[in-house]
Protein backbone atom coordinates (compact mmCIF):
# COMPACT_ATOMS: atom_id res chain seq x y z
CA MET A 1 7.22 -33.16 -30.05
CA GLU A 2 7.23 -33.89 -26.32
CA GLU A 3 4.14 -35.42 -24.70
CA TYR A 4 3.26 -35.40 -21.01
CA LEU A 5 0.40 -35.99 -18.63
CA ILE A 6 0.05 -33.57 -15.71
CA GLY A 7 -1.79 -34.98 -12.71
CA LEU A 8 -1.55 -35.48 -8.98
CA ASN A 9 1.56 -37.62 -9.47
CA GLY A 10 3.36 -34.79 -11.17
CA LEU A 11 4.65 -34.73 -14.72
CA GLU A 12 4.51 -38.07 -16.52
CA THR A 13 5.91 -38.73 -19.99
CA ILE A 14 3.53 -40.47 -22.41
CA ARG A 15 4.31 -41.84 -25.83
CA GLY A 16 2.52 -43.03 -28.97
CA GLN A 17 -0.80 -44.83 -28.44
CA GLU A 18 -0.58 -44.09 -24.75
CA THR A 19 -1.50 -40.52 -25.60
CA GLN A 20 -4.89 -41.64 -26.83
CA SER A 21 -5.47 -44.40 -24.30
CA ARG A 22 -4.92 -42.44 -21.11
CA GLY A 23 -7.93 -40.44 -20.06
CA VAL A 24 -7.89 -36.90 -18.75
CA GLU A 25 -9.63 -37.87 -15.53
CA ALA A 26 -6.17 -38.33 -14.03
CA GLY A 27 -5.10 -34.85 -15.16
CA PHE A 28 -4.65 -33.08 -18.48
CA LYS A 29 -2.39 -33.55 -21.47
CA PHE A 30 0.61 -31.30 -22.05
CA PHE A 31 2.49 -31.05 -25.35
CA VAL A 32 5.60 -29.08 -26.32
CA LEU A 33 6.06 -28.26 -30.01
CA GLY A 34 8.69 -26.32 -31.91
CA LEU A 35 7.72 -23.35 -34.07
CA GLU A 36 8.36 -25.47 -37.14
CA LYS A 37 5.67 -27.99 -36.13
CA TRP A 38 2.60 -25.75 -36.06
CA ASN A 39 0.92 -28.05 -38.60
CA GLU A 40 0.68 -30.76 -35.93
CA ILE A 41 -1.41 -28.62 -33.59
CA PRO A 42 -4.88 -29.49 -35.01
CA LEU A 43 -4.22 -33.21 -34.51
CA LEU A 44 -3.61 -32.67 -30.79
CA LEU A 45 -6.86 -30.84 -30.14
CA PRO A 46 -10.02 -32.63 -28.89
CA ASP A 47 -11.96 -34.56 -31.54
CA HIS A 48 -9.28 -33.69 -34.11
CA ILE A 49 -10.81 -30.30 -34.76
CA GLN A 50 -9.52 -29.07 -38.10
CA LEU A 51 -8.22 -25.53 -37.70
CA ALA A 52 -5.38 -25.75 -40.19
CA GLU A 53 -6.18 -22.43 -41.89
CA TRP A 54 -6.33 -20.49 -38.61
CA ILE A 55 -3.21 -22.20 -37.32
CA GLU A 56 -1.32 -21.29 -40.49
CA ARG A 57 -2.35 -17.65 -40.13
CA LEU A 58 -1.16 -17.63 -36.53
CA ARG A 59 2.14 -19.22 -37.52
CA ALA A 60 2.77 -16.64 -40.25
CA ARG A 61 2.01 -13.77 -37.88
CA GLU A 62 4.11 -15.09 -35.02
CA VAL A 63 7.09 -15.93 -37.22
CA GLY A 64 6.94 -12.41 -38.62
CA GLU A 65 7.07 -10.95 -35.10
CA SER A 66 10.02 -13.19 -34.23
CA LYS A 67 12.08 -11.54 -36.98
CA GLY A 68 11.57 -8.07 -35.50
CA LYS A 69 14.33 -6.18 -33.72
CA SER A 70 13.95 -5.58 -30.00
CA LYS A 71 13.69 -2.02 -28.69
CA GLU A 72 13.82 -0.88 -25.07
CA ALA A 73 10.45 0.88 -24.95
CA SER A 74 8.55 -1.04 -27.67
CA LEU A 75 6.85 -4.40 -27.67
CA ILE A 76 8.00 -6.79 -30.39
CA PHE A 77 6.06 -9.75 -28.99
CA ARG A 78 2.77 -8.05 -28.11
CA PRO A 79 0.69 -10.10 -25.65
CA HIS A 80 -2.67 -11.16 -27.04
CA ILE A 81 -5.30 -13.87 -26.87
CA ASP A 82 -7.23 -15.35 -29.84
CA GLN A 83 -10.29 -17.55 -29.61
CA LEU A 84 -9.98 -20.23 -32.29
CA SER A 85 -13.26 -21.92 -31.33
CA PRO A 86 -15.64 -21.77 -28.34
CA ASN A 87 -13.29 -23.94 -26.24
CA ILE A 88 -9.91 -23.41 -27.90
CA HIS A 89 -7.73 -20.33 -27.24
CA TYR A 90 -4.34 -19.22 -28.46
CA VAL A 91 -2.42 -17.05 -25.98
CA CYS A 92 0.84 -15.13 -26.20
CA PHE A 93 2.56 -13.67 -23.13
CA ARG A 94 5.62 -11.39 -23.18
CA ASP A 95 8.42 -12.49 -20.87
CA ILE A 96 11.85 -10.94 -20.12
CA ASP A 97 14.95 -13.08 -19.63
CA GLU A 98 17.98 -12.41 -17.44
CA GLN A 99 19.71 -10.50 -20.28
CA ARG A 100 16.71 -8.13 -20.46
CA LYS A 101 15.70 -9.56 -23.85
CA GLU A 102 12.03 -10.10 -24.48
CA ARG A 103 10.72 -13.49 -25.52
CA PRO A 104 7.23 -14.81 -26.19
CA ILE A 105 5.43 -17.54 -24.29
CA ARG A 106 2.99 -19.00 -26.81
CA PHE A 107 0.50 -21.74 -26.06
CA ILE A 108 -2.89 -23.17 -27.00
CA LEU A 109 -5.23 -24.43 -24.32
CA THR A 110 -8.54 -26.19 -24.09
CA SER A 111 -10.32 -27.66 -21.09
CA GLU A 112 -8.26 -30.87 -21.46
CA VAL A 113 -5.12 -30.02 -23.45
CA PHE A 114 -2.26 -27.53 -23.09
CA ILE A 115 0.11 -27.07 -26.08
CA LEU A 116 3.26 -25.04 -25.38
CA LEU A 117 5.15 -23.75 -28.43
CA GLY A 118 8.76 -24.00 -27.31
CA TRP A 119 10.07 -24.11 -23.74
CA ASN A 120 11.40 -20.50 -23.85
CA GLY A 121 13.28 -20.67 -20.58
CA PHE A 122 10.71 -22.97 -18.96
CA SER A 123 11.69 -26.51 -17.94
CA PRO A 124 10.06 -29.89 -17.25
CA GLU A 125 11.57 -29.84 -13.74
CA ARG A 126 9.72 -26.65 -12.82
CA LEU A 127 6.52 -28.00 -14.35
CA ASP A 128 6.87 -31.22 -12.37
CA GLU A 129 7.42 -29.23 -9.17
CA TRP A 130 4.20 -27.26 -9.73
CA ALA A 131 2.25 -30.41 -10.57
CA GLN A 132 3.41 -32.24 -7.43
CA ARG A 133 2.36 -29.26 -5.33
CA GLY A 134 -1.17 -29.74 -6.69
CA ILE A 135 -1.57 -26.24 -8.16
CA LEU A 136 -2.04 -27.45 -11.76
CA THR A 137 -5.54 -28.92 -11.82
CA ASN A 138 -6.35 -27.90 -15.41
CA PRO A 139 -4.75 -26.14 -18.40
CA LEU A 140 -5.95 -22.70 -17.32
CA GLU A 141 -4.16 -23.07 -13.98
CA LEU A 142 -0.95 -23.76 -15.91
CA ALA A 143 -1.53 -20.62 -17.98
CA CYS A 144 -1.93 -18.60 -14.77
CA ALA A 145 1.21 -20.18 -13.31
CA LEU A 146 3.16 -19.13 -16.41
CA GLY A 147 1.72 -15.63 -16.01
CA LEU A 148 2.89 -15.46 -12.39
CA ARG A 149 6.34 -16.61 -13.47
CA LEU A 150 6.75 -13.85 -16.06
CA LEU A 151 5.45 -11.28 -13.57
CA ARG A 152 8.23 -12.26 -11.18
CA HIS A 153 10.71 -11.80 -14.03
CA HIS A 154 9.36 -8.27 -14.59
CA GLN A 155 9.61 -7.53 -10.88
CA LYS A 156 13.18 -8.84 -10.78
CA SER A 157 14.12 -6.50 -13.64
CA LEU A 158 12.44 -3.68 -11.74
CA GLU A 159 14.48 -4.44 -8.63
CA VAL A 160 17.70 -4.28 -10.67
CA ILE A 161 16.66 -0.86 -11.97
CA GLU A 162 15.91 0.37 -8.46
CA ASP A 163 19.34 -0.79 -7.25
CA GLN A 164 20.99 1.12 -10.10
CA MET A 165 18.90 4.18 -9.21
CA ASP A 166 20.20 4.08 -5.65
CA LEU A 167 23.79 4.04 -6.92
CA ILE A 168 23.17 6.95 -9.29
CA GLU A 169 21.48 8.97 -6.55
CA GLU A 170 24.46 8.46 -4.26
CA GLU A 171 26.86 9.49 -7.05
CA ILE A 172 24.80 12.61 -7.79
CA LEU A 173 24.89 13.71 -4.16
CA ILE A 174 28.68 13.30 -4.12
CA ALA A 175 29.45 14.92 -7.47
CA PRO A 176 27.04 15.41 -10.40
CA ARG A 177 28.45 14.46 -13.80
CA SER A 178 27.08 14.74 -17.32
CA TRP A 179 27.19 10.96 -17.94
CA GLN A 180 24.79 10.42 -15.03
CA LEU A 181 22.00 12.05 -17.03
CA ASN A 182 22.52 9.51 -19.83
CA ARG A 183 22.20 6.67 -17.33
CA ILE A 184 19.01 8.20 -15.92
CA ILE A 185 17.54 8.43 -19.43
CA THR A 186 18.49 4.79 -20.09
CA LEU A 187 16.80 3.65 -16.87
CA HIS A 188 13.78 5.77 -17.75
CA ARG A 189 13.44 3.95 -21.09
CA ARG A 190 13.76 0.56 -19.40
CA VAL A 191 11.06 1.42 -16.86
CA LEU A 192 8.84 2.66 -19.69
CA GLY A 193 9.36 -0.64 -21.53
CA LEU A 194 8.48 -2.66 -18.42
CA LYS A 195 5.37 -0.56 -17.85
CA ARG A 196 4.16 -1.06 -21.41
CA SER A 197 4.86 -4.79 -21.18
CA LEU A 198 2.91 -5.16 -17.94
CA LYS A 199 -0.03 -3.17 -19.27
CA ALA A 200 -0.16 -5.35 -22.39
CA ASN A 201 0.05 -8.58 -20.37
CA GLN A 202 -2.62 -7.27 -18.00
CA GLY A 203 -5.19 -7.23 -20.82
CA VAL A 204 -4.46 -10.86 -21.65
CA PHE A 205 -4.59 -11.91 -18.00
CA ALA A 206 -8.01 -10.30 -17.63
CA GLN A 207 -9.34 -12.20 -20.65
CA LEU A 208 -8.22 -15.53 -19.19
CA LYS A 209 -11.05 -15.24 -16.69
CA ASN A 210 -13.56 -15.54 -19.51
CA ILE A 211 -12.31 -18.99 -20.49
CA THR A 212 -14.79 -21.63 -19.31
CA LYS A 213 -13.59 -24.34 -16.97
CA LEU A 214 -15.26 -26.77 -14.60
CA LYS A 215 -13.76 -25.51 -11.35
CA TYR A 216 -12.53 -21.98 -10.99
CA GLY A 217 -9.47 -21.99 -8.77
CA ASP A 218 -7.66 -19.30 -6.79
CA LEU A 219 -4.58 -19.11 -8.99
CA HIS A 220 -6.19 -16.65 -11.39
CA GLU A 221 -7.10 -14.37 -8.51
CA GLU A 222 -3.50 -14.53 -7.34
CA LEU A 223 -2.35 -13.70 -10.87
CA MET A 224 -4.54 -10.59 -11.02
CA LEU A 225 -3.41 -9.47 -7.55
CA GLU A 226 0.22 -9.90 -8.55
CA MET A 227 -0.45 -7.95 -11.74
CA LYS A 228 -2.05 -5.09 -9.80
CA ARG A 229 0.91 -5.03 -7.42
CA ALA A 230 3.40 -5.09 -10.29
CA ILE A 231 1.59 -2.23 -12.06
CA GLU A 232 1.69 -0.16 -8.88
CA ASP A 233 5.40 -0.91 -8.45
CA ILE A 234 6.21 0.08 -12.00
CA TYR A 235 4.35 3.38 -11.68
CA GLN A 236 6.10 4.07 -8.40
CA THR A 237 9.49 3.34 -9.95
CA HIS A 238 8.62 5.56 -12.90
CA GLU A 239 7.89 8.42 -10.52
CA MET A 240 11.16 7.71 -8.73
CA ILE A 241 13.00 7.95 -12.06
CA GLU A 242 11.42 11.36 -12.66
CA SER A 243 12.40 12.46 -9.16
CA LEU A 244 15.93 11.20 -9.73
CA ARG A 245 16.21 13.20 -12.92
CA GLU A 246 14.95 16.30 -11.11
CA ALA A 247 17.49 15.66 -8.34
CA TYR A 248 20.23 15.45 -10.96
CA GLN A 249 19.10 18.72 -12.52
CA ALA A 250 18.97 20.41 -9.12
CA ALA A 251 22.46 19.13 -8.27
CA THR A 252 23.76 20.35 -11.62
CA ASP A 253 22.19 23.77 -11.07
CA ASN A 254 23.72 23.97 -7.60
CA HIS A 255 27.11 23.05 -9.01
CA ALA A 256 26.79 25.76 -11.66
CA ASN A 257 25.76 28.24 -8.96
CA ASP A 258 28.85 27.33 -6.93
CA ILE A 259 31.04 27.97 -9.97
CA MET A 260 29.39 31.32 -10.61
CA LYS A 261 29.77 32.21 -6.95
CA LEU A 262 33.48 31.43 -7.05
CA LEU A 263 33.99 33.49 -10.21
CA THR A 264 32.04 36.37 -8.70
CA LEU A 265 34.17 36.31 -5.54
CA LEU A 266 37.38 36.24 -7.56
CA ALA A 267 36.20 39.12 -9.72
CA THR A 268 35.26 41.10 -6.62
CA ILE A 269 38.68 40.52 -5.05
CA LEU A 270 40.61 41.40 -8.19
CA LEU A 271 38.53 44.43 -9.14
CA PRO A 272 40.27 46.90 -6.75
CA ILE A 273 43.68 45.53 -7.77
CA ASN A 274 42.77 45.96 -11.45
CA LEU A 275 41.79 49.54 -10.65
CA LEU A 276 45.18 50.22 -9.05
CA THR A 277 47.02 48.57 -11.92
CA SER A 278 45.11 50.64 -14.46
CA PHE A 279 45.81 53.83 -12.50
CA PHE A 280 49.54 53.30 -12.25
CA GLY A 281 49.71 52.09 -15.83
CA MET A 282 48.81 55.50 -17.26
CA ASN A 283 51.53 57.53 -19.07
CA PHE A 284 51.93 60.53 -16.77
CA GLU A 285 55.07 61.89 -15.19
CA VAL A 286 53.46 63.51 -12.18
CA MET A 287 51.81 60.66 -10.22
CA PRO A 288 52.13 59.42 -6.62
CA LEU A 289 54.79 56.73 -6.08
CA ILE A 290 55.97 56.83 -9.71
CA HIS A 291 59.50 58.12 -8.91
CA THR A 292 59.61 56.75 -5.35
CA THR A 293 62.18 54.04 -4.58
CA TYR A 294 59.72 51.97 -2.57
CA GLY A 295 56.73 52.60 -4.86
CA ILE A 296 56.46 49.02 -6.04
CA VAL A 297 56.60 47.71 -2.47
CA ILE A 298 53.89 50.12 -1.42
CA PHE A 299 51.78 49.04 -4.42
CA TYR A 300 52.00 45.32 -3.58
CA THR A 301 51.39 46.02 0.08
CA LEU A 302 48.26 48.00 -0.78
CA SER A 303 47.06 45.22 -3.08
CA ALA A 304 47.58 42.57 -0.38
CA LEU A 305 45.77 44.76 2.14
CA ILE A 306 42.79 45.08 -0.21
CA VAL A 307 42.65 41.28 -0.65
CA ILE A 308 42.79 40.72 3.13
CA VAL A 309 40.05 43.27 3.82
CA VAL A 310 37.78 41.84 1.13
CA MET A 311 38.36 38.24 2.31
CA ALA A 312 37.66 39.24 5.91
CA TYR A 313 34.41 40.85 4.80
CA PHE A 314 33.39 37.72 2.87
CA ILE A 315 34.19 35.51 5.86
CA LYS A 316 32.14 37.76 8.15
CA LYS A 317 29.19 37.52 5.76
CA LYS A 318 29.72 33.73 5.47
CA TRP A 319 29.81 33.97 1.70
CA LEU A 320 32.74 31.55 1.38
CA LYS A 321 30.77 28.56 2.76
């Protein structure tokens, strides 16, 4: 277990009896526990509130979720908030790391104590930076700061998707291919997963406002504004994905039309030649050019003339463009 005090001087490490002796007037207490140390949580809460049974139920549920398999468009770690007592809340956020794997941010907060269950990509250095900037005045402000951090991770993933969409759109305009549709479907699933994640986190963020605290700061308002902006961005990107898929379909249809146009032109050019070939291929003795020395030359000359006339007509009609 790691023990800290967050105050105006930043992040300070506290140990042993110092945990009990230092008051919260200088800040609030911050603890980091591993998932295997859930049984120590009740001892860290104010007045040693005994919530062992509730804590054990939470541990069993969260460990069960941790064993689940991640899916692109599903939520393994579903964001939620549980009220353990009037002033004690358990919160779970859903974050996304740089490898696009989801991970939970679990913590318990009161008006004086913040218990984080595993760092999960967070670091004491970042926490110290926030504390020295004076934005962490109480545990709820830290919860909002963590929420803002995971929102930026969602937005970063969204920006990566948008960059990939631009590349696919450029490739479609140059030459549509079948594998591009598979990439569009993959991006569509990723956007859907981000949208579901943001919507689930949004419900938890809204409930944070109901937690009582002495001074209500501006960080929660910033969190809700960022959430609204992120939701709008995800819906916009989802619409762009749909437009991109329609653009791919239109490009594919145009490519098929070009192929059919080419085949139609070839068939039109060869049709008169096929007619001549069929005529002179009949088994009759009395036919024009059959016994003429230059019959074959005349036949090929007539065929070439037909091709030239037909091509000239197509060019005049601008059907070859």
